[in-house]
Amino acid sequence: MVGVDLTSLRGLAMTFTIEDCNLHLANLAEARLRGLRITGSDLTEADLHRTDLRDAVFEDCVLRGVELSETRLQGADLRGADLGGISTNAPRQLRGATISPEQAAEICRALGMNVL
């Protein structure tokens, strides 16, 4: 599914589960995927601009270089995601999401902070 275009996908009263997918460069801009459960998937450089991912759970996923501007992540659990290469806008973009202490340290380093 490399480069798949799922722009504005809507999940009306459905729950989504994505497992073991290569969504590298996928376009999920403006999709409504509230409560999504995604495991073992690669979303490297995917476009998640304005996507509703509230209450989503990411397990063993790669989110390197994803576009997260205006993405809704309140209640999302990103502890199982590789957030490497996160932008300097990460604190604002990740507002309301749950991350691990290791991810927090990585984000701080990306912002130029020294984590001791």
Protein backbone atom coordinates (compact mmCIF):
# COMPACT_ATOMS: atom_id res chain seq x y z
CA MET A 1 0.00 0.00 0.00
CA VAL A 2 2.98 2.29 -0.52
CA GLY A 3 1.74 5.74 -1.53
CA VAL A 4 -1.95 4.82 -1.18
CA ASP A 5 -4.33 7.82 -1.21
CA LEU A 6 -7.04 7.57 1.42
CA THR A 7 -7.68 11.31 1.66
CA SER A 8 -10.83 12.18 3.63
CA LEU A 9 -11.60 8.55 4.51
CA ARG A 10 -14.50 8.40 6.96
CA GLY A 11 -15.25 5.66 9.45
CA LEU A 12 -18.87 6.23 10.31
CA ALA A 13 -19.56 4.40 13.57
CA MET A 14 -16.84 1.88 12.74
CA THR A 15 -13.62 0.94 14.40
CA PHE A 16 -10.54 0.43 12.30
CA THR A 17 -7.73 -2.03 12.79
CA ILE A 18 -4.67 -1.94 10.56
CA GLU A 19 -2.10 -4.70 10.94
CA ASP A 20 1.28 -5.27 9.30
CA CYS A 21 0.85 -2.70 6.51
CA ASN A 22 3.41 -0.71 4.59
CA LEU A 23 1.80 2.72 4.44
CA HIS A 24 5.03 4.52 3.55
CA LEU A 25 4.12 7.85 1.87
CA ALA A 26 0.38 7.14 2.31
CA ASN A 27 -1.98 10.10 2.12
CA LEU A 28 -4.45 9.96 5.00
CA ALA A 29 -4.99 13.72 5.13
CA GLU A 30 -8.31 14.73 6.66
CA ALA A 31 -9.32 11.11 7.34
CA ARG A 32 -11.50 10.40 10.36
CA LEU A 33 -9.94 7.43 12.09
CA ARG A 34 -10.93 7.99 15.69
CA GLY A 35 -10.17 4.93 17.81
CA LEU A 36 -7.94 3.37 15.14
CA ARG A 37 -5.78 0.47 16.33
CA ILE A 38 -2.66 0.04 14.20
CA THR A 39 0.02 -2.57 14.79
CA GLY A 40 3.24 -3.56 13.05
CA SER A 41 2.89 -0.93 10.35
CA ASP A 42 5.21 1.56 8.66
CA LEU A 43 3.79 5.05 8.09
CA THR A 44 7.13 6.68 7.27
CA GLU A 45 6.56 10.09 5.65
CA ALA A 46 2.78 9.56 5.57
CA ASP A 47 0.55 12.63 5.31
CA LEU A 48 -1.66 12.75 8.40
CA HIS A 49 -2.45 16.47 8.01
CA ARG A 50 -5.79 17.28 9.69
CA THR A 51 -6.46 13.59 10.38
CA ASP A 52 -8.65 12.72 13.37
CA LEU A 53 -6.69 10.12 15.33
CA ARG A 54 -8.24 10.76 18.73
CA ASP A 55 -8.07 7.68 20.97
CA ALA A 56 -5.96 5.78 18.38
CA VAL A 57 -3.43 3.18 19.57
CA PHE A 58 -0.12 2.63 17.76
CA GLU A 59 1.80 -0.58 18.56
CA ASP A 60 5.14 -1.42 16.95
CA CYS A 61 4.67 1.27 14.28
CA VAL A 62 7.05 3.60 12.46
CA LEU A 63 5.93 7.24 12.28
CA ARG A 64 9.22 8.75 11.09
CA GLY A 65 8.82 11.99 9.20
CA VAL A 66 5.00 11.98 9.23
CA GLU A 67 3.11 15.21 8.55
CA LEU A 68 1.12 15.93 11.71
CA SER A 69 0.03 19.54 11.25
CA GLU A 70 -3.46 20.08 12.65
CA THR A 71 -3.80 16.35 13.41
CA ARG A 72 -6.10 15.55 16.35
CA LEU A 73 -4.27 13.21 18.72
CA GLN A 74 -6.10 13.75 22.01
CA GLY A 75 -6.19 10.45 23.88
CA ALA A 76 -3.97 8.69 21.32
CA ASP A 77 -1.40 6.22 22.65
CA LEU A 78 1.87 6.65 20.75
CA ARG A 79 4.06 4.71 23.18
CA GLY A 80 4.49 1.88 20.67
CA ALA A 81 5.54 4.15 17.82
CA ASP A 82 8.95 5.12 16.47
CA LEU A 83 8.74 8.92 16.38
CA GLY A 84 12.29 9.44 15.09
CA GLY A 85 12.81 12.50 12.96
CA ILE A 86 9.91 14.31 14.60
CA SER A 87 9.65 17.96 13.65
CA THR A 88 10.42 20.86 15.96
CA ASN A 89 6.65 21.48 16.13
CA ALA A 90 6.23 18.14 17.94
CA PRO A 91 5.10 19.48 21.33
CA ARG A 92 2.17 21.30 19.74
CA GLN A 93 1.40 18.52 17.26
CA LEU A 94 1.39 15.82 19.95
CA ARG A 95 -0.82 17.73 22.40
CA GLY A 96 -3.09 15.34 24.29
CA ALA A 97 -1.29 12.16 23.16
CA THR A 98 0.43 9.70 25.50
CA ILE A 99 4.13 9.07 24.86
CA SER A 100 6.83 7.16 26.74
CA PRO A 101 9.64 8.77 28.77
CA GLU A 102 12.08 7.62 26.06
CA GLN A 103 10.03 9.35 23.37
CA ALA A 104 9.85 12.52 25.48
CA ALA A 105 13.65 12.51 25.78
CA GLU A 106 14.00 12.01 22.02
CA ILE A 107 11.68 14.95 21.32
CA CYS A 108 13.62 17.14 23.77
CA ARG A 109 16.88 16.25 22.00
CA ALA A 110 15.27 17.13 18.63
CA LEU A 111 14.43 20.53 20.12
CA GLY A 112 18.06 21.04 21.10
CA MET A 113 17.65 20.33 24.80
CA ASN A 114 20.15 18.32 26.82
CA VAL A 115 18.49 15.38 28.54
CA LEU A 116 20.49 14.06 31.49
